[in-house]
Amino acid sequence: MDRRRFGHTLLAVAGSPVLAAALPLLAGGCGRRQTVPQVAYTLLDGRAGHTANLRGKVVLINFWATSCVTCVHEMPTLAATWHRYRPRGYETLAVAMQHDPPALVARFAETRALPFGVVIDNTGAIAQAFGNVRITPTTFVIDKRGAIAIHHVGAPDFSALHAQIDRLLAEPA
C-alpha cells in the first residue's frame, strides 16, 4: 500500500479512485490542521453528543461498518487502544455508516462489549461533514485543540498510531 503524507495527514492509497473524495478535507494546506467538523450525534445508549464537546481530549473517530472485514478485525485493537489511553484524556467514537442496519450495529457493539461511544450515522450527515467518507475503515484523530491531526483510510499501523497518540497526548491543550 502506498502511503502519502499531506501536511500532518497520512493517507493510505490503495489504488482506488474513490479516495479522491477524501482530498477536499486536506485542502487546509501543509503545516496547518483543519478543525474538526461541528456535528451533533446520538450514541447507542441515547446520550447526545457534539464534536465541540470533545475539545481538551485526543479523540479517534473511526468510520466503520459491520460488513467491513477490516473494521471488524480492528475493533479489538481499537478497544485496547481506548483502555490504554483513556486515563490520559483519550476518547474513541465509532461511527457506523448509513447503510449499516441499526439493529446489527447495536448487537455488534453489545456482543463485543465495545467500551467507547458508538454512533449510527443513519442520515449520512456525519460522513458528509468529514469530507464525504465512503470507504471503511476511515480514521481521524483529533488533537486537544479540536483539529484533525491524522486522517487515515484503511487499516492503520497501530504501533505508529500509538506513537502519534502518545505525541498528541503530550501536547498542551
Foldseek 3Di string as FASTA:
>chain_A
DDWDDFALEIEDDPPDPVCVLQVVCSVPHHPDFAFQFWDWFAFPVGDIDTLVVLAQAKEKEWEAAPPDPQRLVCQVVVQVLCVVCVVLRYAYEYEYEQVHPPVVQVVSCVVVVRPHTYTYPNPQVNCVRNRNDDAPTWMFIAANRRTTSYTYGGRDPVVVVSVVNVVRSPDGD
